[in-house]
Amino acid sequence: GISSWLKKNQSKIATFPIFSQVSIAELGGYTQNVLLKDSDQMSMASALEVRVPFLDHELIEYVLSIPDNIKYPKYPKSLLVEVLGDRLPSEIVHRKKMGFVFPWEHWVKGELKDYFEKRLIRFSEREILNGDEILNSWKLFLNNSGTNSWLNFWLIVVLEEWISKNI
């Protein structure tokens, strides 16, 4: 795997082209410790088997050995796009970059709904607040109306958890 390749080639890293050195740093850090861990966790939670074909150690070794002047990007992932040629539609190649967003709203309205609701009810019963307003906002949120996002309710739930454990 990647970890063993990185350990085995530690002494040679300085001999790679500069872009490859940056890629090696990303592989050993963010890719391995965050991206792969997160994709592993999320795929297992959804009972999916996920393979990461571009992290095949032979492919990585080959790409790391390519000189920077060939890899210098004309646009994002240009080397990969050019290798694949017409197999990738233009709308895929040149679409705007999109980040990954956790589906919090879906979770809050789904499997976390009861957890949230119990705490929101408990919080709304506190005398210093207008509890009816909180619960009305919650109902609007559940019905896809109103202006509150899941984050507003998350903040209340976290506060309620803290209050119930500390006061």
C-alpha atoms as a PDB file:
ATOM      1  CA  GLY A   1       0.000   0.000   0.000  1.00  0.00           C
ATOM      2  CA  ILE A   2       0.837   3.682   0.069  1.00  0.00           C
ATOM      3  CA  SER A   3       2.154   3.669   3.648  1.00  0.00           C
ATOM      4  CA  SER A   4       4.675   0.934   2.993  1.00  0.00           C
ATOM      5  CA  TRP A   5       5.770   2.578  -0.272  1.00  0.00           C
ATOM      6  CA  LEU A   6       6.296   5.908   1.540  1.00  0.00           C
ATOM      7  CA  LYS A   7       8.353   4.242   4.278  1.00  0.00           C
ATOM      8  CA  LYS A   8      10.397   2.241   1.778  1.00  0.00           C
ATOM      9  CA  ASN A   9      11.174   5.331  -0.347  1.00  0.00           C
ATOM     10  CA  GLN A  10      11.665   7.897   2.444  1.00  0.00           C
ATOM     11  CA  SER A  11      15.334   8.464   1.571  1.00  0.00           C
ATOM     12  CA  LYS A  12      14.588   9.026  -2.146  1.00  0.00           C
ATOM     13  CA  ILE A  13      11.824  11.624  -1.744  1.00  0.00           C
ATOM     14  CA  ALA A  14      14.203  14.563  -2.290  1.00  0.00           C
ATOM     15  CA  THR A  15      15.186  13.141  -5.694  1.00  0.00           C
ATOM     16  CA  PHE A  16      11.649  13.330  -7.085  1.00  0.00           C
ATOM     17  CA  PRO A  17      10.428  16.329  -9.134  1.00  0.00           C
ATOM     18  CA  ILE A  18       9.055  19.139  -6.945  1.00  0.00           C
ATOM     19  CA  PHE A  19       5.387  18.484  -7.900  1.00  0.00           C
ATOM     20  CA  SER A  20       5.905  14.859  -6.928  1.00  0.00           C
ATOM     21  CA  GLN A  21       7.386  15.892  -3.593  1.00  0.00           C
ATOM     22  CA  VAL A  22       4.243  17.919  -2.911  1.00  0.00           C
ATOM     23  CA  SER A  23       2.116  14.925  -3.939  1.00  0.00           C
ATOM     24  CA  ILE A  24       4.129  12.656  -1.640  1.00  0.00           C
ATOM     25  CA  ALA A  25       3.555  15.061   1.257  1.00  0.00           C
ATOM     26  CA  GLU A  26      -0.197  15.065   0.488  1.00  0.00           C
ATOM     27  CA  LEU A  27      -0.256  11.258   0.255  1.00  0.00           C
ATOM     28  CA  GLY A  28       1.498  10.854   3.577  1.00  0.00           C
ATOM     29  CA  GLY A  29      -0.641  13.429   5.346  1.00  0.00           C
ATOM     30  CA  TYR A  30      -4.013  14.741   4.240  1.00  0.00           C
ATOM     31  CA  THR A  31      -4.860  11.963   1.775  1.00  0.00           C
ATOM     32  CA  GLN A  32      -3.972   9.128   4.108  1.00  0.00           C
ATOM     33  CA  ASN A  33      -5.044  10.643   7.420  1.00  0.00           C
ATOM     34  CA  VAL A  34      -8.199  12.479   6.352  1.00  0.00           C
ATOM     35  CA  LEU A  35      -9.526  11.675   2.882  1.00  0.00           C
ATOM     36  CA  LEU A  36      -9.033   7.901   2.960  1.00  0.00           C
ATOM     37  CA  LYS A  37     -10.125   7.605   6.580  1.00  0.00           C
ATOM     38  CA  ASP A  38     -13.277   9.652   5.926  1.00  0.00           C
ATOM     39  CA  SER A  39     -14.196   7.813   2.714  1.00  0.00           C
ATOM     40  CA  ASP A  40     -13.607   4.504   4.490  1.00  0.00           C
ATOM     41  CA  GLN A  41     -15.792   5.511   7.427  1.00  0.00           C
ATOM     42  CA  MET A  42     -18.600   6.907   5.281  1.00  0.00           C
ATOM     43  CA  SER A  43     -18.615   4.000   2.842  1.00  0.00           C
ATOM     44  CA  MET A  44     -18.666   1.412   5.636  1.00  0.00           C
ATOM     45  CA  ALA A  45     -21.495   3.283   7.360  1.00  0.00           C
ATOM     46  CA  SER A  46     -23.468   2.951   4.113  1.00  0.00           C
ATOM     47  CA  ALA A  47     -22.443  -0.680   3.484  1.00  0.00           C
ATOM     48  CA  LEU A  48     -20.529   0.316   0.346  1.00  0.00           C
ATOM     49  CA  GLU A  49     -17.304  -1.188  -0.886  1.00  0.00           C
ATOM     50  CA  VAL A  50     -15.157   1.671  -2.161  1.00  0.00           C
ATOM     51  CA  ARG A  51     -12.015   1.265  -4.226  1.00  0.00           C
ATOM     52  CA  VAL A  52      -9.629   4.082  -4.963  1.00  0.00           C
ATOM     53  CA  PRO A  53      -8.148   3.172  -8.373  1.00  0.00           C
ATOM     54  CA  PHE A  54      -5.866   6.186  -8.670  1.00  0.00           C
ATOM     55  CA  LEU A  55      -4.099   5.176  -5.441  1.00  0.00           C
ATOM     56  CA  ASP A  56      -2.714   1.951  -6.878  1.00  0.00           C
ATOM     57  CA  HIS A  57       0.933   1.966  -5.751  1.00  0.00           C
ATOM     58  CA  GLU A  58       2.260   1.091  -9.249  1.00  0.00           C
ATOM     59  CA  LEU A  59       0.318   3.970 -10.807  1.00  0.00           C
ATOM     60  CA  ILE A  60       1.515   6.326  -8.069  1.00  0.00           C
ATOM     61  CA  GLU A  61       5.154   5.307  -8.580  1.00  0.00           C
ATOM     62  CA  TYR A  62       4.819   5.884 -12.321  1.00  0.00           C
ATOM     63  CA  VAL A  63       3.138   9.290 -12.011  1.00  0.00           C
ATOM     64  CA  LEU A  64       5.617  10.460  -9.360  1.00  0.00           C
ATOM     65  CA  SER A  65       8.468   9.742 -11.783  1.00  0.00           C
ATOM     66  CA  ILE A  66       7.008  11.944 -14.544  1.00  0.00           C
ATOM     67  CA  PRO A  67       8.939  15.239 -14.919  1.00  0.00           C
ATOM     68  CA  ASP A  68       7.247  18.442 -13.751  1.00  0.00           C
ATOM     69  CA  ASN A  69       7.217  20.002 -17.229  1.00  0.00           C
ATOM     70  CA  ILE A  70       4.848  17.243 -18.367  1.00  0.00           C
ATOM     71  CA  LYS A  71       2.716  17.452 -15.221  1.00  0.00           C
ATOM     72  CA  TYR A  72       2.486  21.246 -15.047  1.00  0.00           C
ATOM     73  CA  PRO A  73      -1.281  21.801 -15.075  1.00  0.00           C
ATOM     74  CA  LYS A  74      -2.879  23.757 -17.886  1.00  0.00           C
ATOM     75  CA  TYR A  75      -6.126  23.214 -15.984  1.00  0.00           C
ATOM     76  CA  PRO A  76      -7.047  20.973 -13.004  1.00  0.00           C
ATOM     77  CA  LYS A  77      -6.079  17.325 -13.524  1.00  0.00           C
ATOM     78  CA  SER A  78      -5.008  18.048 -17.111  1.00  0.00           C
ATOM     79  CA  LEU A  79      -2.602  15.071 -17.315  1.00  0.00           C
ATOM     80  CA  LEU A  80      -5.364  12.644 -16.333  1.00  0.00           C
ATOM     81  CA  VAL A  81      -7.883  14.314 -18.634  1.00  0.00           C
ATOM     82  CA  GLU A  82      -5.498  14.233 -21.585  1.00  0.00           C
ATOM     83  CA  VAL A  83      -4.662  10.573 -21.013  1.00  0.00           C
ATOM     84  CA  LEU A  84      -8.361   9.672 -20.991  1.00  0.00           C
ATOM     85  CA  GLY A  85      -9.072  11.761 -24.085  1.00  0.00           C
ATOM     86  CA  ASP A  86     -12.635  11.567 -25.434  1.00  0.00           C
ATOM     87  CA  ARG A  87     -13.687   9.025 -22.794  1.00  0.00           C
ATOM     88  CA  LEU A  88     -14.591  11.898 -20.443  1.00  0.00           C
ATOM     89  CA  PRO A  89     -17.403  14.246 -21.482  1.00  0.00           C
ATOM     90  CA  SER A  90     -16.477  17.937 -21.568  1.00  0.00           C
ATOM     91  CA  GLU A  91     -19.197  18.810 -19.019  1.00  0.00           C
ATOM     92  CA  ILE A  92     -17.473  16.527 -16.508  1.00  0.00           C
ATOM     93  CA  VAL A  93     -13.950  17.749 -17.270  1.00  0.00           C
ATOM     94  CA  HIS A  94     -14.728  21.458 -17.120  1.00  0.00           C
ATOM     95  CA  ARG A  95     -17.434  21.659 -14.456  1.00  0.00           C
ATOM     96  CA  LYS A  96     -16.992  23.966 -11.485  1.00  0.00           C
ATOM     97  CA  LYS A  97     -15.202  22.476  -8.522  1.00  0.00           C
ATOM     98  CA  MET A  98     -17.593  21.225  -5.869  1.00  0.00           C
ATOM     99  CA  GLY A  99     -16.840  20.542  -2.263  1.00  0.00           C
ATOM    100  CA  PHE A 100     -18.164  17.622  -0.310  1.00  0.00           C
ATOM    101  CA  VAL A 101     -20.849  18.553   2.172  1.00  0.00           C
ATOM    102  CA  PHE A 102     -22.033  16.214   4.900  1.00  0.00           C
ATOM    103  CA  PRO A 103     -25.801  15.632   4.644  1.00  0.00           C
ATOM    104  CA  TRP A 104     -26.555  17.148   8.043  1.00  0.00           C
ATOM    105  CA  GLU A 105     -30.050  18.320   7.149  1.00  0.00           C
ATOM    106  CA  HIS A 106     -30.954  14.830   5.978  1.00  0.00           C
ATOM    107  CA  TRP A 107     -29.552  13.300   9.177  1.00  0.00           C
ATOM    108  CA  VAL A 108     -31.290  15.836  11.433  1.00  0.00           C
ATOM    109  CA  LYS A 109     -34.624  15.165   9.722  1.00  0.00           C
ATOM    110  CA  GLY A 110     -33.960  11.410   9.651  1.00  0.00           C
ATOM    111  CA  GLU A 111     -32.004   9.279  12.086  1.00  0.00           C
ATOM    112  CA  LEU A 112     -31.185  12.186  14.433  1.00  0.00           C
ATOM    113  CA  LYS A 113     -34.718  13.588  14.523  1.00  0.00           C
ATOM    114  CA  ASP A 114     -35.766  11.939  17.811  1.00  0.00           C
ATOM    115  CA  TYR A 115     -32.475  12.852  19.467  1.00  0.00           C
ATOM    116  CA  PHE A 116     -32.909  16.505  18.425  1.00  0.00           C
ATOM    117  CA  GLU A 117     -36.589  16.655  19.237  1.00  0.00           C
ATOM    118  CA  LYS A 118     -36.189  15.402  22.832  1.00  0.00           C
ATOM    119  CA  ARG A 119     -33.540  18.008  23.546  1.00  0.00           C
ATOM    120  CA  LEU A 120     -35.408  20.811  21.783  1.00  0.00           C
ATOM    121  CA  ILE A 121     -38.533  20.043  23.822  1.00  0.00           C
ATOM    122  CA  ARG A 122     -36.494  19.962  27.039  1.00  0.00           C
ATOM    123  CA  PHE A 123     -34.792  23.228  26.071  1.00  0.00           C
ATOM    124  CA  SER A 124     -38.115  24.881  25.149  1.00  0.00           C
ATOM    125  CA  GLU A 125     -39.463  24.067  28.619  1.00  0.00           C
ATOM    126  CA  ARG A 126     -36.873  26.294  30.254  1.00  0.00           C
ATOM    127  CA  GLU A 127     -38.607  29.391  31.626  1.00  0.00           C
ATOM    128  CA  ILE A 128     -36.183  31.992  30.298  1.00  0.00           C
ATOM    129  CA  LEU A 129     -37.062  31.232  26.666  1.00  0.00           C
ATOM    130  CA  ASN A 130     -39.970  31.430  24.319  1.00  0.00           C
ATOM    131  CA  GLY A 131     -40.215  27.667  23.907  1.00  0.00           C
ATOM    132  CA  ASP A 132     -43.211  27.804  21.579  1.00  0.00           C
ATOM    133  CA  GLU A 133     -41.153  29.797  19.072  1.00  0.00           C
ATOM    134  CA  ILE A 134     -38.361  27.198  19.108  1.00  0.00           C
ATOM    135  CA  LEU A 135     -40.784  24.301  18.597  1.00  0.00           C
ATOM    136  CA  ASN A 136     -42.688  26.163  15.858  1.00  0.00           C
ATOM    137  CA  SER A 137     -39.408  26.849  14.068  1.00  0.00           C
ATOM    138  CA  TRP A 138     -38.514  23.152  14.421  1.00  0.00           C
ATOM    139  CA  LYS A 139     -41.835  22.122  12.830  1.00  0.00           C
ATOM    140  CA  LEU A 140     -41.289  24.564   9.967  1.00  0.00           C
ATOM    141  CA  PHE A 141     -37.791  23.191   9.451  1.00  0.00           C
ATOM    142  CA  LEU A 142     -39.093  19.601   9.363  1.00  0.00           C
ATOM    143  CA  ASN A 143     -41.682  20.655   6.758  1.00  0.00           C
ATOM    144  CA  ASN A 144     -39.047  22.393   4.606  1.00  0.00           C
ATOM    145  CA  SER A 145     -40.413  25.860   5.366  1.00  0.00           C
ATOM    146  CA  GLY A 146     -39.097  28.681   7.460  1.00  0.00           C
ATOM    147  CA  THR A 147     -35.645  30.180   7.491  1.00  0.00           C
ATOM    148  CA  ASN A 148     -33.787  28.074  10.049  1.00  0.00           C
ATOM    149  CA  SER A 149     -31.097  25.631   9.050  1.00  0.00           C
ATOM    150  CA  TRP A 150     -30.089  22.429  10.825  1.00  0.00           C
ATOM    151  CA  LEU A 151     -27.187  24.367  12.375  1.00  0.00           C
ATOM    152  CA  ASN A 152     -29.502  26.580  14.446  1.00  0.00           C
ATOM    153  CA  PHE A 153     -31.054  23.506  16.019  1.00  0.00           C
ATOM    154  CA  TRP A 154     -27.679  21.828  16.434  1.00  0.00           C
ATOM    155  CA  LEU A 155     -26.517  24.800  18.512  1.00  0.00           C
ATOM    156  CA  ILE A 156     -29.595  24.569  20.738  1.00  0.00           C
ATOM    157  CA  VAL A 157     -29.178  20.800  21.144  1.00  0.00           C
ATOM    158  CA  VAL A 158     -25.510  21.173  22.105  1.00  0.00           C
ATOM    159  CA  LEU A 159     -26.387  23.932  24.584  1.00  0.00           C
ATOM    160  CA  GLU A 160     -29.169  21.807  26.067  1.00  0.00           C
ATOM    161  CA  GLU A 161     -26.801  18.858  26.457  1.00  0.00           C
ATOM    162  CA  TRP A 162     -24.293  21.089  28.240  1.00  0.00           C
ATOM    163  CA  ILE A 163     -26.916  22.653  30.520  1.00  0.00           C
ATOM    164  CA  SER A 164     -28.411  19.291  31.469  1.00  0.00           C
ATOM    165  CA  LYS A 165     -24.988  17.900  32.381  1.00  0.00           C
ATOM    166  CA  ASN A 166     -23.509  20.964  34.075  1.00  0.00           C
ATOM    167  CA  ILE A 167     -26.271  22.952  35.758  1.00  0.00           C
END
